[in-house]
Amino acid sequence: MGEKPSEEKKGGVTRREVIVAVGGLAVGAAIGATLLSRREVVTQTTTATVTTTATVTTPVTVTQPPTTATPPPPQGYPRMKLANVRDLAPKRTLSKEYAGVRVWLVKLGERAVGGVGPDGDIVAFVPVCTHMGGALVYDQQTNCVVCLVHYTQFDLARAGKAVTGHATQSLPQVMLEYDEETGDIYAVGINQLVYGKTRNL
């Protein structure tokens, strides 16, 4: 049996190593270009005028992240009174209907994202799991709701965020307004699509 011909060397590197390196660079460039094209950068651009000591006025563009203001209520939703603050017992759900769906109003006893009321702890959610539409139960100890189908947990103090389980979306949160004079709590919208619906309204 004859010996296999040795690979041709160029500068101490085999042809196979060169081909693998070039192929790796091509794949890396393709992946990098794909990721770069998907990246979104949100900025606000403002133009300011800067005067130097030589009294030359130069326009300067300053780029900065946008301010985080409270979003306006979604268009088309009715403004509807759900309850008065006196109707709510701490750590108890109050079931109401809003925009054709059942919603839970809860006084959590801790400040919450989107919370209203004197303590910023009153929130409302659509109690339907975002994974497969399962029924939910409220756990007073953790201020979470738990799906009875696959046990996904949603944290009501953190905007209904899914913290364990199969669901990848937060619970639809009802946007609330609070009247300080009367103690009335109004629903003004729902922040995302409710499970099983093609549109909320």
N, C-alpha and C. Protein backbone atom coordinates (compact mmCIF):
# COMPACT_ATOMS: atom_id res chain seq x y z
N MET A 1 0.84 -1.19 0.00
CA MET A 1 0.00 0.00 0.00
C MET A 1 0.88 1.24 0.00
N GLY A 2 0.53 2.19 -0.88
CA GLY A 2 1.34 3.40 -0.95
C GLY A 2 0.95 4.38 0.14
N GLU A 3 1.84 5.25 0.43
CA GLU A 3 1.55 6.27 1.44
C GLU A 3 0.63 7.33 0.85
N LYS A 4 -0.23 7.92 1.72
CA LYS A 4 -1.09 9.02 1.29
C LYS A 4 -0.21 10.22 1.00
N PRO A 5 -0.54 10.92 -0.09
CA PRO A 5 0.28 12.10 -0.36
C PRO A 5 0.09 13.14 0.73
N SER A 6 1.15 13.74 1.13
CA SER A 6 1.05 14.74 2.20
C SER A 6 0.40 16.00 1.65
N GLU A 7 -0.38 16.71 2.52
CA GLU A 7 -1.07 17.92 2.10
C GLU A 7 -0.05 19.01 1.82
N GLU A 8 -0.36 19.75 0.76
CA GLU A 8 0.54 20.83 0.37
C GLU A 8 0.54 21.92 1.44
N LYS A 9 1.67 22.37 1.85
CA LYS A 9 1.79 23.38 2.90
C LYS A 9 2.13 24.72 2.26
N LYS A 10 1.49 25.76 2.75
CA LYS A 10 1.84 27.12 2.32
C LYS A 10 2.10 27.92 3.58
N GLY A 11 3.32 28.25 3.81
CA GLY A 11 3.65 29.05 4.99
C GLY A 11 3.33 28.33 6.28
N GLY A 12 3.43 27.00 6.34
CA GLY A 12 3.17 26.27 7.57
C GLY A 12 1.69 25.99 7.82
N VAL A 13 0.80 26.30 6.87
CA VAL A 13 -0.63 26.08 7.02
C VAL A 13 -1.09 25.16 5.90
N THR A 14 -1.89 24.14 6.24
CA THR A 14 -2.36 23.22 5.20
C THR A 14 -3.53 23.82 4.43
N ARG A 15 -3.78 23.29 3.24
CA ARG A 15 -4.89 23.77 2.42
C ARG A 15 -6.21 23.58 3.16
N ARG A 16 -6.38 22.48 3.87
CA ARG A 16 -7.61 22.20 4.63
C ARG A 16 -7.85 23.27 5.69
N GLU A 17 -6.80 23.67 6.40
CA GLU A 17 -6.94 24.70 7.43
C GLU A 17 -7.36 26.04 6.83
N VAL A 18 -6.83 26.35 5.64
CA VAL A 18 -7.20 27.60 4.97
C VAL A 18 -8.68 27.57 4.58
N ILE A 19 -9.14 26.44 4.02
CA ILE A 19 -10.53 26.30 3.60
C ILE A 19 -11.47 26.41 4.80
N VAL A 20 -11.13 25.74 5.92
CA VAL A 20 -11.96 25.80 7.13
C VAL A 20 -12.02 27.23 7.67
N ALA A 21 -10.90 27.93 7.67
CA ALA A 21 -10.86 29.30 8.18
C ALA A 21 -11.71 30.23 7.32
N VAL A 22 -11.58 30.11 5.99
CA VAL A 22 -12.37 30.96 5.09
C VAL A 22 -13.85 30.65 5.24
N GLY A 23 -14.20 29.36 5.33
CA GLY A 23 -15.61 28.98 5.52
C GLY A 23 -16.16 29.52 6.82
N GLY A 24 -15.37 29.45 7.89
CA GLY A 24 -15.82 29.97 9.18
C GLY A 24 -16.04 31.47 9.14
N LEU A 25 -15.16 32.20 8.46
CA LEU A 25 -15.34 33.65 8.33
C LEU A 25 -16.61 33.98 7.55
N ALA A 26 -16.89 33.22 6.49
CA ALA A 26 -18.09 33.48 5.68
C ALA A 26 -19.36 33.25 6.49
N VAL A 27 -19.39 32.14 7.24
CA VAL A 27 -20.57 31.85 8.08
C VAL A 27 -20.73 32.93 9.15
N GLY A 28 -19.63 33.31 9.80
CA GLY A 28 -19.69 34.35 10.83
C GLY A 28 -20.18 35.68 10.27
N ALA A 29 -19.73 36.04 9.08
CA ALA A 29 -20.17 37.29 8.45
C ALA A 29 -21.66 37.25 8.15
N ALA A 30 -22.15 36.09 7.67
CA ALA A 30 -23.58 35.97 7.35
C ALA A 30 -24.43 36.09 8.61
N ILE A 31 -24.01 35.44 9.70
CA ILE A 31 -24.76 35.52 10.96
C ILE A 31 -24.73 36.94 11.51
N GLY A 32 -23.57 37.56 11.47
CA GLY A 32 -23.44 38.93 11.97
C GLY A 32 -24.31 39.91 11.20
N ALA A 33 -24.36 39.75 9.88
CA ALA A 33 -25.20 40.64 9.06
C ALA A 33 -26.67 40.46 9.39
N THR A 34 -27.09 39.20 9.62
CA THR A 34 -28.49 38.94 9.97
C THR A 34 -28.85 39.57 11.31
N LEU A 35 -28.00 39.40 12.31
CA LEU A 35 -28.28 39.95 13.62
C LEU A 35 -28.27 41.47 13.59
N LEU A 36 -27.34 42.06 12.86
CA LEU A 36 -27.25 43.52 12.78
C LEU A 36 -28.49 44.10 12.12
N SER A 37 -29.03 43.41 11.10
CA SER A 37 -30.21 43.93 10.41
C SER A 37 -31.45 43.86 11.28
N ARG A 38 -31.47 42.97 12.30
CA ARG A 38 -32.64 42.84 13.17
C ARG A 38 -32.59 43.77 14.36
N ARG A 39 -31.46 44.38 14.64
CA ARG A 39 -31.30 45.22 15.82
C ARG A 39 -32.05 46.52 15.63
N GLU A 40 -32.82 46.92 16.64
CA GLU A 40 -33.54 48.19 16.59
C GLU A 40 -32.92 49.14 17.59
N VAL A 41 -32.65 50.33 17.15
CA VAL A 41 -32.15 51.36 18.04
C VAL A 41 -33.17 52.47 18.08
N VAL A 42 -33.70 52.76 19.27
CA VAL A 42 -34.70 53.80 19.42
C VAL A 42 -34.03 54.98 20.10
N THR A 43 -34.01 56.08 19.41
CA THR A 43 -33.39 57.27 19.97
C THR A 43 -34.21 58.49 19.62
N GLN A 44 -33.98 59.54 20.35
CA GLN A 44 -34.55 60.84 20.03
C GLN A 44 -33.39 61.72 19.62
N THR A 45 -33.55 62.47 18.55
CA THR A 45 -32.49 63.36 18.11
C THR A 45 -32.97 64.78 18.27
N THR A 46 -32.16 65.58 18.96
CA THR A 46 -32.48 66.99 19.11
C THR A 46 -31.31 67.79 18.61
N THR A 47 -31.57 68.98 18.12
CA THR A 47 -30.50 69.84 17.63
C THR A 47 -30.34 71.02 18.58
N ALA A 48 -29.12 71.24 19.02
CA ALA A 48 -28.84 72.34 19.94
C ALA A 48 -27.81 73.26 19.27
N THR A 49 -27.75 74.47 19.73
CA THR A 49 -26.77 75.43 19.21
C THR A 49 -25.71 75.67 20.27
N VAL A 50 -24.45 75.50 19.88
CA VAL A 50 -23.34 75.67 20.81
C VAL A 50 -22.53 76.87 20.36
N THR A 51 -22.27 77.79 21.27
CA THR A 51 -21.46 78.97 20.96
C THR A 51 -20.09 78.80 21.59
N THR A 52 -19.05 78.87 20.79
CA THR A 52 -17.68 78.72 21.30
C THR A 52 -17.14 80.08 21.74
N THR A 53 -15.94 80.09 22.32
CA THR A 53 -15.35 81.34 22.81
C THR A 53 -15.02 82.29 21.67
N ALA A 54 -14.88 81.74 20.45
CA ALA A 54 -14.55 82.60 19.30
C ALA A 54 -15.83 83.12 18.65
N THR A 55 -16.95 83.03 19.38
CA THR A 55 -18.28 83.46 18.93
C THR A 55 -18.67 82.88 17.57
N VAL A 56 -18.32 81.61 17.37
CA VAL A 56 -18.76 80.88 16.18
C VAL A 56 -19.90 79.97 16.61
N THR A 57 -21.04 80.10 15.97
CA THR A 57 -22.20 79.28 16.32
C THR A 57 -22.20 78.02 15.46
N THR A 58 -22.23 76.85 16.12
CA THR A 58 -22.19 75.58 15.41
C THR A 58 -23.38 74.73 15.82
N PRO A 59 -24.19 74.24 14.86
CA PRO A 59 -25.28 73.33 15.24
C PRO A 59 -24.71 71.96 15.61
N VAL A 60 -25.20 71.40 16.70
CA VAL A 60 -24.73 70.10 17.18
C VAL A 60 -25.94 69.20 17.36
N THR A 61 -25.85 67.95 16.89
CA THR A 61 -26.93 66.98 17.06
C THR A 61 -26.62 66.10 18.27
N VAL A 62 -27.57 66.02 19.20
CA VAL A 62 -27.41 65.21 20.42
C VAL A 62 -28.40 64.06 20.35
N THR A 63 -27.91 62.83 20.44
CA THR A 63 -28.78 61.65 20.40
C THR A 63 -28.88 61.08 21.81
N GLN A 64 -30.11 60.84 22.25
CA GLN A 64 -30.33 60.31 23.60
C GLN A 64 -31.53 59.38 23.59
N PRO A 65 -31.62 58.46 24.57
CA PRO A 65 -32.76 57.56 24.61
C PRO A 65 -34.04 58.34 24.90
N PRO A 66 -35.19 57.85 24.40
CA PRO A 66 -36.45 58.56 24.64
C PRO A 66 -36.85 58.50 26.10
N THR A 67 -37.62 59.50 26.54
CA THR A 67 -38.11 59.49 27.91
C THR A 67 -39.20 58.44 28.05
N THR A 68 -39.34 57.87 29.25
CA THR A 68 -40.35 56.84 29.48
C THR A 68 -41.56 57.49 30.12
N ALA A 69 -42.47 57.92 29.30
CA ALA A 69 -43.70 58.53 29.80
C ALA A 69 -44.80 57.47 29.87
N THR A 70 -45.83 57.76 30.67
CA THR A 70 -46.96 56.84 30.76
C THR A 70 -47.66 56.81 29.42
N PRO A 71 -47.87 55.60 28.84
CA PRO A 71 -48.51 55.53 27.54
C PRO A 71 -49.96 55.99 27.61
N PRO A 72 -50.47 56.59 26.53
CA PRO A 72 -51.87 57.01 26.53
C PRO A 72 -52.78 55.79 26.48
N PRO A 73 -54.02 55.91 26.93
CA PRO A 73 -54.94 54.78 26.86
C PRO A 73 -55.15 54.35 25.41
N PRO A 74 -55.34 53.04 25.17
CA PRO A 74 -55.58 52.57 23.81
C PRO A 74 -56.84 53.19 23.23
N GLN A 75 -56.85 53.39 21.93
CA GLN A 75 -57.98 54.01 21.26
C GLN A 75 -59.17 53.04 21.20
N GLY A 76 -60.37 53.59 21.33
CA GLY A 76 -61.58 52.80 21.12
C GLY A 76 -62.16 52.13 22.35
N TYR A 77 -61.42 52.06 23.45
CA TYR A 77 -61.93 51.42 24.67
C TYR A 77 -62.82 52.39 25.43
N PRO A 78 -63.88 51.88 26.05
CA PRO A 78 -64.72 52.77 26.87
C PRO A 78 -64.04 53.05 28.21
N ARG A 79 -64.37 54.18 28.78
CA ARG A 79 -63.95 54.48 30.16
C ARG A 79 -65.10 54.05 31.05
N MET A 80 -64.86 53.03 31.87
CA MET A 80 -65.95 52.43 32.64
C MET A 80 -65.56 52.26 34.11
N LYS A 81 -66.46 52.64 35.00
CA LYS A 81 -66.20 52.47 36.43
C LYS A 81 -66.28 50.98 36.76
N LEU A 82 -65.21 50.48 37.40
CA LEU A 82 -65.19 49.08 37.83
C LEU A 82 -65.59 48.94 39.29
N ALA A 83 -65.14 49.86 40.12
CA ALA A 83 -65.39 49.74 41.56
C ALA A 83 -64.98 51.02 42.25
N ASN A 84 -65.21 51.06 43.55
CA ASN A 84 -64.70 52.11 44.41
C ASN A 84 -63.65 51.47 45.30
N VAL A 85 -62.67 52.26 45.73
CA VAL A 85 -61.60 51.71 46.57
C VAL A 85 -62.16 51.04 47.82
N ARG A 86 -63.32 51.49 48.30
CA ARG A 86 -63.93 50.88 49.50
C ARG A 86 -64.49 49.49 49.21
N ASP A 87 -64.69 49.15 47.95
CA ASP A 87 -65.22 47.83 47.57
C ASP A 87 -64.16 46.74 47.63
N LEU A 88 -62.90 47.14 47.74
CA LEU A 88 -61.81 46.17 47.64
C LEU A 88 -61.26 45.76 48.99
N ALA A 89 -61.25 44.46 49.24
CA ALA A 89 -60.60 43.92 50.44
C ALA A 89 -59.17 43.55 50.04
N PRO A 90 -58.19 43.83 50.91
CA PRO A 90 -56.80 43.48 50.56
C PRO A 90 -56.66 42.00 50.24
N LYS A 91 -55.89 41.71 49.19
CA LYS A 91 -55.55 40.34 48.79
C LYS A 91 -56.76 39.51 48.38
N ARG A 92 -57.80 40.16 47.88
CA ARG A 92 -58.99 39.46 47.39
C ARG A 92 -59.28 39.93 45.98
N THR A 93 -59.66 39.02 45.09
CA THR A 93 -60.02 39.42 43.73
C THR A 93 -61.48 39.85 43.70
N LEU A 94 -61.75 40.87 42.92
CA LEU A 94 -63.11 41.33 42.67
C LEU A 94 -63.36 41.16 41.18
N SER A 95 -64.29 40.30 40.82
CA SER A 95 -64.55 39.98 39.42
C SER A 95 -65.53 40.96 38.82
N LYS A 96 -65.19 41.51 37.66
CA LYS A 96 -66.04 42.44 36.93
C LYS A 96 -65.98 42.10 35.45
N GLU A 97 -66.82 42.77 34.66
CA GLU A 97 -66.74 42.61 33.21
C GLU A 97 -66.38 43.94 32.60
N TYR A 98 -65.44 43.88 31.63
CA TYR A 98 -65.02 45.09 30.93
C TYR A 98 -64.70 44.74 29.48
N ALA A 99 -65.22 45.50 28.56
CA ALA A 99 -64.98 45.33 27.12
C ALA A 99 -65.28 43.89 26.68
N GLY A 100 -66.31 43.30 27.28
CA GLY A 100 -66.75 41.96 26.87
C GLY A 100 -65.97 40.81 27.47
N VAL A 101 -65.04 41.08 28.40
CA VAL A 101 -64.29 40.00 29.04
C VAL A 101 -64.34 40.16 30.56
N ARG A 102 -64.18 39.03 31.25
CA ARG A 102 -64.12 39.07 32.71
C ARG A 102 -62.74 39.56 33.12
N VAL A 103 -62.70 40.45 34.12
CA VAL A 103 -61.43 40.96 34.64
C VAL A 103 -61.44 40.84 36.16
N TRP A 104 -60.23 40.72 36.72
CA TRP A 104 -60.07 40.70 38.18
C TRP A 104 -59.42 42.01 38.61
N LEU A 105 -60.01 42.61 39.61
CA LEU A 105 -59.47 43.80 40.25
C LEU A 105 -58.92 43.33 41.59
N VAL A 106 -57.66 43.70 41.91
CA VAL A 106 -57.02 43.22 43.15
C VAL A 106 -56.26 44.35 43.82
N LYS A 107 -56.42 44.45 45.15
CA LYS A 107 -55.58 45.35 45.97
C LYS A 107 -54.48 44.48 46.56
N LEU A 108 -53.26 44.61 46.01
CA LEU A 108 -52.17 43.68 46.32
C LEU A 108 -51.51 43.89 47.68
N GLY A 109 -51.56 45.13 48.19
CA GLY A 109 -50.84 45.40 49.44
C GLY A 109 -49.38 45.73 49.22
N GLU A 110 -48.97 45.89 47.97
CA GLU A 110 -47.61 46.34 47.62
C GLU A 110 -47.69 47.12 46.33
N ARG A 111 -46.80 48.09 46.17
CA ARG A 111 -46.79 48.89 44.95
C ARG A 111 -46.64 47.99 43.74
N ALA A 112 -47.36 48.31 42.68
CA ALA A 112 -47.35 47.45 41.50
C ALA A 112 -47.19 48.29 40.23
N VAL A 113 -46.65 47.67 39.19
CA VAL A 113 -46.55 48.31 37.88
C VAL A 113 -47.97 48.53 37.37
N GLY A 114 -48.30 49.78 37.05
CA GLY A 114 -49.64 50.09 36.57
C GLY A 114 -50.67 50.19 37.68
N GLY A 115 -50.21 50.13 38.94
CA GLY A 115 -51.13 50.19 40.08
C GLY A 115 -51.66 51.59 40.32
N VAL A 116 -52.89 51.67 40.80
CA VAL A 116 -53.51 52.96 41.12
C VAL A 116 -54.00 52.92 42.57
N GLY A 117 -54.61 54.03 43.00
CA GLY A 117 -55.12 54.11 44.36
C GLY A 117 -54.13 54.80 45.27
N PRO A 118 -54.51 55.02 46.52
CA PRO A 118 -53.65 55.74 47.47
C PRO A 118 -52.28 55.10 47.65
N ASP A 119 -52.21 53.77 47.54
CA ASP A 119 -50.94 53.06 47.75
C ASP A 119 -50.33 52.54 46.45
N GLY A 120 -50.94 52.84 45.32
CA GLY A 120 -50.42 52.37 44.03
C GLY A 120 -50.41 50.86 43.92
N ASP A 121 -51.36 50.19 44.60
CA ASP A 121 -51.34 48.73 44.65
C ASP A 121 -52.59 48.07 44.06
N ILE A 122 -53.46 48.85 43.42
CA ILE A 122 -54.68 48.29 42.84
C ILE A 122 -54.44 48.06 41.35
N VAL A 123 -54.60 46.81 40.93
CA VAL A 123 -54.38 46.43 39.54
C VAL A 123 -55.56 45.61 39.04
N ALA A 124 -55.64 45.45 37.73
CA ALA A 124 -56.68 44.62 37.14
C ALA A 124 -56.10 43.85 35.95
N PHE A 125 -56.51 42.60 35.81
CA PHE A 125 -56.01 41.73 34.74
C PHE A 125 -57.14 40.87 34.20
N VAL A 126 -56.93 40.36 32.98
CA VAL A 126 -57.83 39.37 32.41
C VAL A 126 -57.32 38.01 32.90
N PRO A 127 -58.11 37.28 33.71
CA PRO A 127 -57.61 36.05 34.34
C PRO A 127 -57.70 34.82 33.43
N VAL A 128 -56.98 34.87 32.31
CA VAL A 128 -56.93 33.75 31.37
C VAL A 128 -55.47 33.54 30.99
N CYS A 129 -54.98 32.32 31.15
CA CYS A 129 -53.57 32.04 30.87
C CYS A 129 -53.25 32.32 29.41
N THR A 130 -52.11 32.95 29.16
CA THR A 130 -51.72 33.31 27.80
C THR A 130 -51.09 32.14 27.05
N HIS A 131 -50.92 31.00 27.72
CA HIS A 131 -50.34 29.83 27.04
C HIS A 131 -51.41 29.06 26.27
N MET A 132 -52.44 28.58 27.00
CA MET A 132 -53.51 27.82 26.34
C MET A 132 -54.89 28.19 26.86
N GLY A 133 -55.00 29.35 27.49
CA GLY A 133 -56.31 29.81 27.92
C GLY A 133 -56.83 29.17 29.19
N GLY A 134 -55.96 28.59 30.00
CA GLY A 134 -56.38 27.92 31.23
C GLY A 134 -56.88 28.89 32.29
N ALA A 135 -57.71 28.35 33.21
CA ALA A 135 -58.22 29.15 34.33
C ALA A 135 -57.10 29.41 35.33
N LEU A 136 -57.21 30.55 36.02
CA LEU A 136 -56.18 30.96 36.98
C LEU A 136 -56.74 31.03 38.39
N VAL A 137 -55.87 30.83 39.37
CA VAL A 137 -56.22 31.03 40.78
C VAL A 137 -55.21 32.02 41.37
N TYR A 138 -55.69 32.84 42.30
CA TYR A 138 -54.85 33.87 42.91
C TYR A 138 -54.20 33.34 44.18
N ASP A 139 -52.88 33.52 44.29
CA ASP A 139 -52.13 33.13 45.48
C ASP A 139 -51.81 34.38 46.28
N GLN A 140 -52.46 34.54 47.44
CA GLN A 140 -52.29 35.74 48.26
C GLN A 140 -50.87 35.90 48.79
N GLN A 141 -50.19 34.81 49.03
CA GLN A 141 -48.85 34.87 49.63
C GLN A 141 -47.83 35.51 48.68
N THR A 142 -47.95 35.22 47.39
CA THR A 142 -46.94 35.67 46.42
C THR A 142 -47.44 36.80 45.51
N ASN A 143 -48.73 37.12 45.59
CA ASN A 143 -49.35 38.08 44.66
C ASN A 143 -49.19 37.62 43.21
N CYS A 144 -49.22 36.32 43.02
CA CYS A 144 -49.17 35.73 41.68
C CYS A 144 -50.49 35.01 41.42
N VAL A 145 -50.78 34.81 40.15
CA VAL A 145 -51.87 33.92 39.78
C VAL A 145 -51.24 32.70 39.11
N VAL A 146 -51.86 31.53 39.31
CA VAL A 146 -51.30 30.28 38.83
C VAL A 146 -52.31 29.61 37.91
N CYS A 147 -51.83 29.14 36.76
CA CYS A 147 -52.69 28.43 35.80
C CYS A 147 -52.92 27.00 36.30
N LEU A 148 -54.16 26.55 36.25
CA LEU A 148 -54.50 25.21 36.72
C LEU A 148 -54.18 24.13 35.70
N VAL A 149 -53.79 24.51 34.48
CA VAL A 149 -53.49 23.51 33.45
C VAL A 149 -52.03 23.09 33.51
N HIS A 150 -51.12 24.05 33.34
CA HIS A 150 -49.69 23.73 33.33
C HIS A 150 -48.90 24.48 34.41
N TYR A 151 -49.61 25.16 35.30
CA TYR A 151 -49.00 25.80 36.47
C TYR A 151 -48.07 26.97 36.16
N THR A 152 -48.30 27.65 35.06
CA THR A 152 -47.56 28.90 34.82
C THR A 152 -47.95 29.90 35.90
N GLN A 153 -46.99 30.66 36.40
CA GLN A 153 -47.23 31.70 37.40
C GLN A 153 -47.03 33.07 36.78
N PHE A 154 -47.96 33.98 37.06
CA PHE A 154 -47.88 35.35 36.58
C PHE A 154 -47.83 36.28 37.80
N ASP A 155 -46.86 37.19 37.83
CA ASP A 155 -46.67 38.10 38.96
C ASP A 155 -47.49 39.37 38.73
N LEU A 156 -48.53 39.58 39.53
CA LEU A 156 -49.41 40.72 39.35
C LEU A 156 -48.75 42.04 39.70
N ALA A 157 -47.77 42.03 40.59
CA ALA A 157 -47.08 43.27 40.96
C ALA A 157 -46.10 43.71 39.88
N ARG A 158 -45.75 42.80 38.98
CA ARG A 158 -44.79 43.11 37.90
C ARG A 158 -45.48 43.07 36.54
N ALA A 159 -46.63 43.70 36.45
CA ALA A 159 -47.38 43.83 35.20
C ALA A 159 -47.82 42.49 34.63
N GLY A 160 -48.08 41.51 35.50
CA GLY A 160 -48.57 40.21 35.03
C GLY A 160 -47.53 39.39 34.31
N LYS A 161 -46.26 39.65 34.60
CA LYS A 161 -45.16 38.95 33.92
C LYS A 161 -45.17 37.46 34.27
N ALA A 162 -44.96 36.61 33.24
CA ALA A 162 -44.85 35.16 33.47
C ALA A 162 -43.50 34.89 34.13
N VAL A 163 -43.52 34.30 35.33
CA VAL A 163 -42.27 34.07 36.06
C VAL A 163 -41.84 32.61 36.04
N THR A 164 -42.78 31.69 35.87
CA THR A 164 -42.44 30.27 35.69
C THR A 164 -43.49 29.65 34.78
N GLY A 165 -43.13 28.54 34.15
CA GLY A 165 -44.11 27.81 33.36
C GLY A 165 -43.96 28.01 31.86
N HIS A 166 -44.97 27.54 31.12
CA HIS A 166 -44.91 27.51 29.66
C HIS A 166 -45.20 28.84 28.98
N ALA A 167 -45.98 29.70 29.62
CA ALA A 167 -46.40 30.95 28.96
C ALA A 167 -45.19 31.84 28.69
N THR A 168 -45.23 32.50 27.55
CA THR A 168 -44.15 33.42 27.18
C THR A 168 -44.63 34.87 27.17
N GLN A 169 -45.94 35.08 27.31
CA GLN A 169 -46.49 36.44 27.33
C GLN A 169 -47.05 36.75 28.70
N SER A 170 -46.99 38.02 29.07
CA SER A 170 -47.61 38.47 30.32
C SER A 170 -49.12 38.41 30.19
N LEU A 171 -49.80 38.50 31.34
CA LEU A 171 -51.27 38.57 31.32
C LEU A 171 -51.70 39.92 30.74
N PRO A 172 -52.82 39.95 30.02
CA PRO A 172 -53.34 41.25 29.59
C PRO A 172 -53.74 42.07 30.82
N GLN A 173 -53.16 43.26 30.93
CA GLN A 173 -53.44 44.13 32.07
C GLN A 173 -54.44 45.20 31.66
N VAL A 174 -55.41 45.43 32.55
CA VAL A 174 -56.40 46.48 32.34
C VAL A 174 -55.79 47.79 32.80
N MET A 175 -55.82 48.79 31.95
CA MET A 175 -55.28 50.10 32.31
C MET A 175 -56.33 50.84 33.13
N LEU A 176 -55.91 51.36 34.29
CA LEU A 176 -56.84 51.95 35.25
C LEU A 176 -56.59 53.44 35.46
N GLU A 177 -57.65 54.12 35.84
CA GLU A 177 -57.57 55.51 36.31
C GLU A 177 -58.25 55.57 37.67
N TYR A 178 -57.73 56.43 38.54
CA TYR A 178 -58.24 56.54 39.91
C TYR A 178 -58.67 57.98 40.17
N ASP A 179 -59.89 58.15 40.66
CA ASP A 179 -60.39 59.47 41.03
C ASP A 179 -60.12 59.68 42.51
N GLU A 180 -59.19 60.57 42.83
CA GLU A 180 -58.80 60.78 44.22
C GLU A 180 -59.92 61.35 45.07
N GLU A 181 -60.80 62.13 44.48
CA GLU A 181 -61.88 62.74 45.26
C GLU A 181 -62.95 61.74 45.67
N THR A 182 -63.32 60.85 44.75
CA THR A 182 -64.42 59.91 45.03
C THR A 182 -63.92 58.51 45.41
N GLY A 183 -62.69 58.17 45.02
CA GLY A 183 -62.18 56.82 45.25
C GLY A 183 -62.62 55.84 44.18
N ASP A 184 -63.25 56.35 43.11
CA ASP A 184 -63.70 55.47 42.03
C ASP A 184 -62.52 55.02 41.16
N ILE A 185 -62.62 53.78 40.67
CA ILE A 185 -61.58 53.20 39.83
C ILE A 185 -62.20 52.90 38.47
N TYR A 186 -61.57 53.43 37.42
CA TYR A 186 -62.09 53.30 36.06
C TYR A 186 -61.15 52.47 35.20
N ALA A 187 -61.72 51.62 34.37
CA ALA A 187 -60.95 50.93 33.33
C ALA A 187 -60.97 51.80 32.09
N VAL A 188 -59.81 51.92 31.42
CA VAL A 188 -59.74 52.74 30.22
C VAL A 188 -59.13 51.99 29.03
N GLY A 189 -58.75 50.74 29.21
CA GLY A 189 -58.20 49.97 28.10
C GLY A 189 -57.56 48.68 28.57
N ILE A 190 -57.19 47.84 27.63
CA ILE A 190 -56.45 46.60 27.90
C ILE A 190 -55.19 46.66 27.06
N ASN A 191 -54.04 46.34 27.67
CA ASN A 191 -52.76 46.61 27.02
C ASN A 191 -52.32 45.60 25.97
N GLN A 192 -53.02 44.47 25.82
CA GLN A 192 -52.63 43.50 24.79
C GLN A 192 -53.82 42.62 24.45
N LEU A 193 -53.65 41.81 23.43
CA LEU A 193 -54.71 40.93 22.96
C LEU A 193 -55.01 39.85 23.99
N VAL A 194 -56.30 39.61 24.22
CA VAL A 194 -56.74 38.58 25.16
C VAL A 194 -56.68 37.22 24.46
N TYR A 195 -56.26 36.18 25.19
CA TYR A 195 -56.13 34.84 24.62
C TYR A 195 -57.45 34.41 23.97
N GLY A 196 -57.36 33.83 22.77
CA GLY A 196 -58.54 33.31 22.09
C GLY A 196 -59.27 34.33 21.25
N LYS A 197 -58.83 35.59 21.26
CA LYS A 197 -59.50 36.63 20.48
C LYS A 197 -58.62 37.10 19.34
N THR A 198 -59.24 37.47 18.24
CA THR A 198 -58.48 38.06 17.14
C THR A 198 -58.43 39.58 17.29
N ARG A 199 -59.33 40.13 18.08
CA ARG A 199 -59.32 41.55 18.46
C ARG A 199 -60.11 41.70 19.76
N ASN A 200 -59.72 42.65 20.59
CA ASN A 200 -60.37 42.79 21.89
C ASN A 200 -61.72 43.50 21.80
N LEU A 201 -61.88 44.38 20.83
CA LEU A 201 -63.13 45.14 20.72
C LEU A 201 -63.89 44.71 19.48
